[in-house]
Amino acid sequence: MTEDDLALLRLVAAGGRSGPRRRLLDACGGPASALAAGPPAWREAGLSALQVQALRTAAPPAHACDWLAQRRRRLLGWHDPDYPALLRRIASPPLALFVAGDVDLLWHPCVAIVGTRAPTAGGREHARGFTHALVRAGLGICSGLAAGIDTVAHTGALAAGGATVAVLGCGIDQPYPAANAGLLDEIAAQGAVVSEHLPGTRARREHFPARNRIIAGLSLGTLVVEAAQRSGALITARLAADAGREVFALPGSIRNPMARGCHRLIRDGATLIEAPGEIVAALAPVAQALADALRSRLAAPIERVEGVVADVADTPLPDDPDYQRLWSAIGHDPSPMDQLLERSGLTTAVASSMLLLMELDGRVVQAHGRYSRKS
């Protein structure tokens, strides 16, 4: 682990309001510099007396250090250029994210699919069908690993060979519910699992509304499949709307109590959705904004395209030599990542970022971990 990782762990463990700690990182440029600045700078940033005392005395949590030492683990702080651009725009972004799996998926264009923990057979069918269609359109699926609709969305995305991100309301090493422990491991291996809580943190009721703001914040839009009048899914939808994101709701039978939350959302201004293509069309301009942010992150001279569904056949390729090598390595037949790395000579990190950008630009399609040029 780096010095910045250890310092960021101490900042996370200090607890309290995250705004002052984000301001401290902005002022100092990084976690190690923030700790070295000392109590006067901490107080000037607005840290409370308890936070200042914690930073003076507490060592980095040993359990969190052990967790981070394992492969495919990452602590992503507010100061980090890899911190997801969409999440920066919400009202109260987390100070840091613990990530297990593919951290680049936090920049992948995703739709949040949420709903009741006790869906009807029809609700499950709708969640599965929309998930498969959205994955085929190149979108990832974000949800909260809860029983019911969340579980259907995650498993559907994995089955379709798509990207999925699970956001937890507990420590990233604490499966909740326990019945989803196997699914959690599968998502960590094939997608990404995210938490703002230190490893070892138990699930608590008050954590879940905060968890929902991250689900909404990482996603271009939120689809509510089935929800009762009082439901955590409605909290996610409200938070998505507050963040300026699209909110979609599936209508249902007036006799289905699990449709009442969706009907309430529609009355309050959510978009009534009947087909997945309606979501893809609505989100194309927002996905373009994400593509622009990713270009800035990579500093790649890539031409702007109009929307994720634009035709790019006549758009010139960027002059970047790494991009040219990777493009030459991608054929019309699907190729796995290791083959592309061998052909191009690029590292996994560089190739993954460029492949994501090519997907956003509509040049490349990905299915079951294999990449090919878009026909």
Protein backbone atom coordinates (compact mmCIF):
# COMPACT_ATOMS: atom_id res chain seq x y z
CA MET A 1 0.00 0.00 0.00
CA THR A 2 1.09 3.55 -0.67
CA GLU A 3 1.53 6.34 1.85
CA ASP A 4 -1.58 7.97 0.38
CA ASP A 5 -3.60 4.76 0.93
CA LEU A 6 -2.61 4.63 4.59
CA ALA A 7 -3.38 8.32 5.07
CA LEU A 8 -6.75 7.98 3.31
CA LEU A 9 -7.67 5.06 5.59
CA ARG A 10 -7.02 7.31 8.58
CA LEU A 11 -9.19 10.04 7.07
CA VAL A 12 -12.02 7.56 6.44
CA ALA A 13 -11.71 6.12 9.95
CA ALA A 14 -11.97 9.62 11.46
CA GLY A 15 -15.70 9.53 10.67
CA GLY A 16 -18.07 12.47 10.92
CA ARG A 17 -19.13 14.74 8.07
CA SER A 18 -17.33 14.02 4.80
CA GLY A 19 -17.54 17.58 3.40
CA PRO A 20 -14.73 19.01 5.56
CA ARG A 21 -12.48 16.04 4.75
CA ARG A 22 -13.14 16.51 1.02
CA ARG A 23 -12.23 20.20 1.39
CA LEU A 24 -9.03 19.19 3.17
CA LEU A 25 -8.08 16.89 0.29
CA ASP A 26 -8.86 19.65 -2.22
CA ALA A 27 -6.71 22.13 -0.30
CA CYS A 28 -3.75 19.79 0.20
CA GLY A 29 -3.84 17.79 -3.04
CA GLY A 30 -3.77 14.34 -1.48
CA PRO A 31 -4.23 12.31 1.73
CA ALA A 32 -0.57 12.17 2.83
CA SER A 33 -0.21 15.93 2.38
CA ALA A 34 -3.50 16.46 4.19
CA LEU A 35 -2.29 14.56 7.26
CA ALA A 36 1.09 16.27 7.16
CA ALA A 37 -0.62 19.69 7.16
CA GLY A 38 -1.55 19.18 10.81
CA PRO A 39 -4.34 20.38 13.11
CA PRO A 40 -4.40 24.04 11.99
CA ALA A 41 -5.17 22.99 8.39
CA TRP A 42 -7.64 20.37 9.61
CA ARG A 43 -9.57 22.94 11.62
CA GLU A 44 -9.46 25.46 8.79
CA ALA A 45 -11.09 22.85 6.51
CA GLY A 46 -13.90 22.50 9.06
CA LEU A 47 -13.04 19.22 10.78
CA SER A 48 -14.66 18.80 14.19
CA ALA A 49 -12.75 18.40 17.43
CA LEU A 50 -13.52 14.67 17.40
CA GLN A 51 -12.19 14.31 13.85
CA VAL A 52 -9.02 16.24 14.73
CA GLN A 53 -8.47 14.03 17.77
CA ALA A 54 -9.00 10.88 15.69
CA LEU A 55 -6.43 12.01 13.10
CA ARG A 56 -3.93 12.83 15.85
CA THR A 57 -4.13 9.46 17.56
CA ALA A 58 -5.59 6.72 15.35
CA ALA A 59 -3.49 4.35 13.25
CA PRO A 60 -4.82 2.98 9.94
CA PRO A 61 -7.35 0.20 10.73
CA ALA A 62 -5.50 -3.12 10.54
CA HIS A 63 -8.45 -5.05 9.10
CA ALA A 64 -8.82 -2.52 6.27
CA CYS A 65 -5.08 -2.73 5.55
CA ASP A 66 -5.30 -6.51 5.30
CA TRP A 67 -8.28 -6.25 2.96
CA LEU A 68 -6.52 -3.75 0.68
CA ALA A 69 -3.41 -5.92 0.47
CA GLN A 70 -5.30 -8.53 -1.57
CA ARG A 71 -5.45 -8.47 -5.37
CA ARG A 72 -8.20 -6.60 -7.25
CA ARG A 73 -8.80 -4.35 -4.24
CA ARG A 74 -8.73 -0.56 -4.38
CA LEU A 75 -9.39 2.42 -2.14
CA LEU A 76 -10.53 5.25 -4.40
CA GLY A 77 -10.44 8.68 -2.75
CA TRP A 78 -12.04 12.01 -3.59
CA HIS A 79 -8.64 13.31 -4.73
CA ASP A 80 -8.11 10.44 -7.21
CA PRO A 81 -8.58 11.13 -10.96
CA ASP A 82 -10.23 7.70 -11.18
CA TYR A 83 -13.01 8.78 -8.79
CA PRO A 84 -16.17 8.38 -10.90
CA ALA A 85 -17.23 11.62 -12.59
CA LEU A 86 -20.96 10.99 -12.19
CA LEU A 87 -20.61 10.44 -8.44
CA ARG A 88 -18.78 13.77 -8.01
CA ARG A 89 -21.96 15.56 -9.11
CA ILE A 90 -24.29 14.39 -6.32
CA ALA A 91 -25.07 16.52 -3.28
CA SER A 92 -23.00 14.53 -0.78
CA PRO A 93 -20.39 12.39 -2.56
CA PRO A 94 -18.53 9.86 -0.42
CA LEU A 95 -15.02 10.70 0.74
CA ALA A 96 -13.74 7.38 -0.56
CA LEU A 97 -14.88 4.09 -2.05
CA PHE A 98 -13.62 0.61 -1.27
CA VAL A 99 -13.79 -1.34 -4.54
CA ALA A 100 -13.45 -5.09 -5.10
CA GLY A 101 -13.15 -6.12 -8.74
CA ASP A 102 -12.86 -3.96 -11.86
CA VAL A 103 -12.59 -0.32 -10.76
CA ASP A 104 -12.98 0.87 -14.38
CA LEU A 105 -16.62 -0.25 -14.28
CA LEU A 106 -17.35 2.78 -12.11
CA TRP A 107 -16.91 4.81 -15.31
CA HIS A 108 -19.02 2.45 -17.41
CA PRO A 109 -22.45 3.86 -18.41
CA CYS A 110 -24.88 2.11 -16.06
CA VAL A 111 -28.59 2.01 -15.30
CA ALA A 112 -29.69 1.41 -11.72
CA ILE A 113 -32.38 -1.27 -11.51
CA VAL A 114 -34.10 -1.37 -8.12
CA GLY A 115 -37.32 -2.55 -6.59
CA THR A 116 -39.03 -4.57 -3.92
CA ARG A 117 -37.46 -7.43 -2.00
CA ALA A 118 -40.66 -9.44 -2.58
CA PRO A 119 -41.38 -9.12 -6.31
CA THR A 120 -44.17 -10.91 -8.14
CA ALA A 121 -43.33 -13.46 -10.83
CA GLY A 122 -44.14 -10.76 -13.39
CA GLY A 123 -41.81 -8.30 -11.67
CA ARG A 124 -38.96 -10.79 -11.79
CA GLU A 125 -39.64 -11.42 -15.47
CA HIS A 126 -39.65 -7.69 -16.25
CA ALA A 127 -36.43 -7.10 -14.29
CA ARG A 128 -34.68 -9.95 -16.08
CA GLY A 129 -35.92 -8.91 -19.52
CA PHE A 130 -34.96 -5.25 -19.11
CA THR A 131 -31.57 -6.23 -17.70
CA HIS A 132 -30.74 -8.46 -20.67
CA ALA A 133 -31.87 -5.83 -23.18
CA LEU A 134 -29.93 -3.01 -21.52
CA VAL A 135 -26.79 -5.15 -21.35
CA ARG A 136 -27.13 -5.96 -25.06
CA ALA A 137 -27.30 -2.20 -25.69
CA GLY A 138 -23.93 -1.79 -23.95
CA LEU A 139 -25.16 -0.49 -20.61
CA GLY A 140 -24.09 -1.85 -17.24
CA ILE A 141 -26.43 -2.60 -14.33
CA CYS A 142 -26.02 -1.03 -10.89
CA SER A 143 -27.98 -2.17 -7.84
CA GLY A 144 -27.73 -2.83 -4.12
CA LEU A 145 -27.38 -6.65 -3.80
CA ALA A 146 -30.64 -6.81 -1.81
CA ALA A 147 -33.02 -9.74 -2.14
CA GLY A 148 -35.65 -9.52 -4.85
CA ILE A 149 -35.31 -7.15 -7.81
CA ASP A 150 -31.68 -6.23 -6.97
CA THR A 151 -30.66 -9.88 -7.05
CA VAL A 152 -32.50 -10.51 -10.33
CA ALA A 153 -30.78 -7.49 -11.90
CA HIS A 154 -27.27 -8.55 -10.84
CA THR A 155 -27.70 -12.20 -11.82
CA GLY A 156 -29.32 -11.21 -15.11
CA ALA A 157 -26.41 -8.93 -16.01
CA LEU A 158 -23.86 -11.64 -15.20
CA ALA A 159 -25.80 -14.24 -17.20
CA ALA A 160 -25.89 -11.89 -20.19
CA GLY A 161 -22.13 -11.29 -20.01
CA GLY A 162 -22.58 -7.65 -19.03
CA ALA A 163 -21.13 -5.28 -16.48
CA THR A 164 -22.70 -5.05 -13.04
CA VAL A 165 -21.86 -2.95 -9.97
CA ALA A 166 -23.14 -3.82 -6.48
CA VAL A 167 -23.20 -1.05 -3.85
CA LEU A 168 -23.30 -2.19 -0.21
CA GLY A 169 -24.65 -0.56 2.92
CA CYS A 170 -22.02 -2.30 5.05
CA GLY A 171 -18.35 -3.20 4.84
CA ILE A 172 -17.34 -4.62 1.48
CA ASP A 173 -16.39 -7.92 3.13
CA GLN A 174 -19.79 -8.32 4.84
CA PRO A 175 -22.29 -10.09 2.55
CA TYR A 176 -25.78 -8.70 3.14
CA PRO A 177 -28.09 -10.48 2.95
CA ALA A 178 -26.05 -13.55 3.90
CA ALA A 179 -27.87 -15.58 1.23
CA ASN A 180 -26.15 -13.44 -1.41
CA ALA A 181 -22.59 -14.25 -0.27
CA GLY A 182 -21.97 -16.35 -3.39
CA LEU A 183 -23.39 -13.63 -5.64
CA LEU A 184 -21.16 -11.05 -3.94
CA ASP A 185 -18.08 -13.15 -4.76
CA GLU A 186 -19.25 -13.61 -8.34
CA ILE A 187 -19.74 -9.87 -8.84
CA ALA A 188 -16.31 -9.15 -7.31
CA ALA A 189 -14.78 -11.60 -9.80
CA GLN A 190 -16.66 -10.42 -12.90
CA GLY A 191 -17.88 -6.91 -12.07
CA ALA A 192 -17.34 -4.49 -9.18
CA VAL A 193 -18.48 -4.28 -5.56
CA VAL A 194 -18.44 -0.88 -3.86
CA SER A 195 -18.81 0.43 -0.31
CA GLU A 196 -17.99 3.69 1.45
CA HIS A 197 -17.67 1.84 4.78
CA LEU A 198 -14.52 0.39 6.28
CA PRO A 199 -14.16 -3.39 5.84
CA GLY A 200 -15.68 -5.15 8.82
CA THR A 201 -18.55 -2.64 9.19
CA ARG A 202 -21.82 -4.45 9.93
CA ALA A 203 -25.02 -3.63 8.07
CA ARG A 204 -27.13 -1.04 9.90
CA ARG A 205 -30.53 0.27 8.94
CA GLU A 206 -29.38 3.88 8.69
CA HIS A 207 -26.66 2.93 6.18
CA PHE A 208 -29.06 1.97 3.41
CA PRO A 209 -30.47 5.39 2.41
CA ALA A 210 -26.84 6.57 2.16
CA ARG A 211 -26.02 3.47 0.10
CA ASN A 212 -28.91 4.36 -2.23
CA ARG A 213 -27.41 7.78 -3.02
CA ILE A 214 -24.30 6.01 -4.37
CA ILE A 215 -26.40 3.67 -6.52
CA ALA A 216 -28.22 6.69 -7.97
CA GLY A 217 -25.01 8.70 -8.27
CA LEU A 218 -23.09 6.04 -10.23
CA SER A 219 -25.93 5.60 -12.73
CA LEU A 220 -27.13 7.56 -15.73
CA GLY A 221 -30.71 6.80 -14.71
CA THR A 222 -32.75 4.66 -12.33
CA LEU A 223 -35.44 2.13 -13.29
CA VAL A 224 -37.91 1.08 -10.60
CA VAL A 225 -39.51 -2.24 -11.53
CA GLU A 226 -41.85 -2.92 -8.58
CA ALA A 227 -42.08 -1.03 -5.31
CA ALA A 228 -44.55 -0.60 -2.49
CA GLN A 229 -45.70 2.83 -1.33
CA ARG A 230 -42.97 2.87 1.34
CA SER A 231 -39.86 1.43 -0.23
CA GLY A 232 -36.11 1.90 -0.33
CA ALA A 233 -36.40 1.87 -4.13
CA LEU A 234 -38.42 5.08 -3.93
CA ILE A 235 -35.61 6.65 -1.89
CA THR A 236 -33.15 5.72 -4.64
CA ALA A 237 -35.49 7.21 -7.25
CA ARG A 238 -35.84 10.46 -5.28
CA LEU A 239 -32.08 10.71 -4.84
CA ALA A 240 -31.60 10.10 -8.57
CA ALA A 241 -34.05 12.89 -9.36
CA ASP A 242 -32.31 15.20 -6.86
CA ALA A 243 -29.02 14.51 -8.69
CA GLY A 244 -30.59 15.47 -12.01
CA ARG A 245 -30.72 11.90 -13.33
CA GLU A 246 -33.53 10.26 -15.26
CA VAL A 247 -36.07 8.22 -13.29
CA PHE A 248 -38.06 5.49 -15.05
CA ALA A 249 -40.92 3.40 -13.65
CA LEU A 250 -42.77 0.37 -14.94
CA PRO A 251 -46.56 0.58 -14.57
CA GLY A 252 -48.47 -2.42 -13.22
CA SER A 253 -51.87 -3.66 -12.24
CA ILE A 254 -53.89 -1.45 -9.92
CA ARG A 255 -54.50 -4.62 -7.88
CA ASN A 256 -50.78 -5.21 -7.34
CA PRO A 257 -49.58 -3.50 -4.12
CA MET A 258 -46.04 -3.70 -5.49
CA ALA A 259 -47.02 -1.43 -8.38
CA ARG A 260 -48.25 1.42 -6.21
CA GLY A 261 -44.80 2.88 -5.65
CA CYS A 262 -44.19 2.96 -9.41
CA HIS A 263 -47.55 4.62 -10.02
CA ARG A 264 -46.71 7.23 -7.39
CA LEU A 265 -43.40 7.94 -9.13
CA ILE A 266 -45.16 8.33 -12.47
CA ARG A 267 -47.64 10.77 -10.93
CA ASP A 268 -44.70 12.70 -9.50
CA GLY A 269 -43.00 13.02 -12.89
CA ALA A 270 -41.02 9.81 -13.50
CA THR A 271 -41.03 8.54 -17.09
CA LEU A 272 -43.45 5.68 -17.72
CA ILE A 273 -41.49 2.95 -19.49
CA GLU A 274 -42.84 0.06 -21.54
CA ALA A 275 -39.73 -1.09 -23.47
CA PRO A 276 -35.95 -1.08 -22.84
CA GLY A 277 -35.29 0.90 -26.03
CA GLU A 278 -37.06 3.87 -24.47
CA ILE A 279 -34.44 3.93 -21.71
CA VAL A 280 -31.53 3.62 -24.17
CA ALA A 281 -32.85 6.52 -26.25
CA ALA A 282 -33.45 8.72 -23.19
CA LEU A 283 -29.97 8.13 -21.79
CA ALA A 284 -27.92 8.56 -24.97
CA PRO A 285 -27.23 12.31 -24.39
CA VAL A 286 -26.28 11.68 -20.76
CA ALA A 287 -23.94 8.87 -21.77
CA GLN A 288 -22.27 11.31 -24.15
CA ALA A 289 -21.49 13.59 -21.22
CA LEU A 290 -19.91 10.63 -19.41
CA ALA A 291 -17.84 9.88 -22.53
CA ASP A 292 -16.61 13.47 -22.52
CA ALA A 293 -15.57 13.15 -18.87
CA LEU A 294 -13.74 9.92 -19.65
CA ARG A 295 -11.88 11.62 -22.49
CA SER A 296 -10.71 14.27 -20.06
CA ARG A 297 -9.60 11.60 -17.61
CA LEU A 298 -7.55 9.79 -20.27
CA ALA A 299 -6.44 13.03 -21.98
CA ALA A 300 -6.99 11.28 -25.32
CA PRO A 301 -7.51 13.35 -28.50
CA ILE A 302 -10.73 11.61 -29.50
CA GLU A 303 -13.31 13.27 -31.72
CA ARG A 304 -16.74 14.01 -30.25
CA VAL A 305 -19.64 11.89 -31.45
CA GLU A 306 -23.30 12.65 -31.06
CA GLY A 307 -24.58 10.09 -28.55
CA VAL A 308 -23.76 6.49 -27.77
CA VAL A 309 -25.84 5.26 -30.68
CA ALA A 310 -24.09 7.45 -33.25
CA ASP A 311 -22.60 6.01 -36.43
CA VAL A 312 -18.84 6.41 -36.17
CA ALA A 313 -17.79 4.60 -39.32
CA ASP A 314 -16.57 7.82 -40.95
CA THR A 315 -15.06 9.36 -37.80
CA PRO A 316 -11.24 9.43 -38.02
CA LEU A 317 -9.32 7.41 -35.47
CA PRO A 318 -7.31 9.35 -32.87
CA ASP A 319 -3.61 9.85 -33.53
CA ASP A 320 -2.61 8.37 -30.16
CA PRO A 321 -0.23 5.45 -30.97
CA ASP A 322 -1.55 3.27 -28.11
CA TYR A 323 -5.09 3.73 -29.39
CA GLN A 324 -3.95 2.85 -32.93
CA ARG A 325 -2.19 -0.33 -31.71
CA LEU A 326 -5.23 -1.44 -29.76
CA TRP A 327 -7.58 -0.71 -32.67
CA SER A 328 -5.36 -2.78 -34.97
CA ALA A 329 -5.45 -5.64 -32.46
CA ILE A 330 -9.28 -5.75 -32.45
CA GLY A 331 -10.77 -7.77 -35.27
CA HIS A 332 -14.28 -8.43 -36.47
CA ASP A 333 -14.26 -11.76 -34.60
CA PRO A 334 -14.55 -11.51 -30.78
CA SER A 335 -11.19 -11.60 -28.99
CA PRO A 336 -10.53 -12.02 -25.24
CA MET A 337 -8.64 -9.39 -23.29
CA ASP A 338 -5.43 -11.45 -22.93
CA GLN A 339 -5.24 -11.82 -26.71
CA LEU A 340 -5.64 -8.08 -27.21
CA LEU A 341 -2.91 -7.39 -24.66
CA GLU A 342 -0.57 -9.81 -26.44
CA ARG A 343 -1.26 -8.24 -29.84
CA SER A 344 -1.01 -4.62 -28.72
CA GLY A 345 1.65 -4.81 -26.01
CA LEU A 346 -0.45 -2.58 -23.74
CA THR A 347 -1.03 -3.01 -20.03
CA THR A 348 -4.41 -4.19 -18.72
CA ALA A 349 -5.15 -0.78 -17.16
CA VAL A 350 -4.47 1.19 -20.36
CA ALA A 351 -6.29 -1.29 -22.61
CA SER A 352 -9.34 -1.48 -20.31
CA SER A 353 -9.75 2.30 -20.26
CA MET A 354 -9.39 2.59 -24.03
CA LEU A 355 -11.79 -0.30 -24.67
CA LEU A 356 -14.38 1.39 -22.48
CA LEU A 357 -13.92 4.60 -24.45
CA MET A 358 -14.27 2.68 -27.75
CA GLU A 359 -17.51 1.17 -26.45
CA LEU A 360 -18.84 4.59 -25.52
CA ASP A 361 -17.90 5.86 -28.98
CA GLY A 362 -19.72 2.96 -30.61
CA ARG A 363 -16.61 1.50 -32.26
CA VAL A 364 -16.42 -1.71 -30.23
CA VAL A 365 -18.89 -4.18 -28.79
CA GLN A 366 -18.21 -6.44 -25.82
CA ALA A 367 -19.92 -9.71 -24.95
CA HIS A 368 -18.85 -12.37 -22.44
CA GLY A 369 -15.48 -10.67 -21.97
CA ARG A 370 -14.63 -10.66 -25.70
CA TYR A 371 -14.26 -7.56 -27.87
CA SER A 372 -14.87 -7.01 -31.57
CA ARG A 373 -15.30 -4.09 -33.95
CA LYS A 374 -18.88 -2.93 -34.27
CA SER A 375 -20.37 -3.95 -37.62
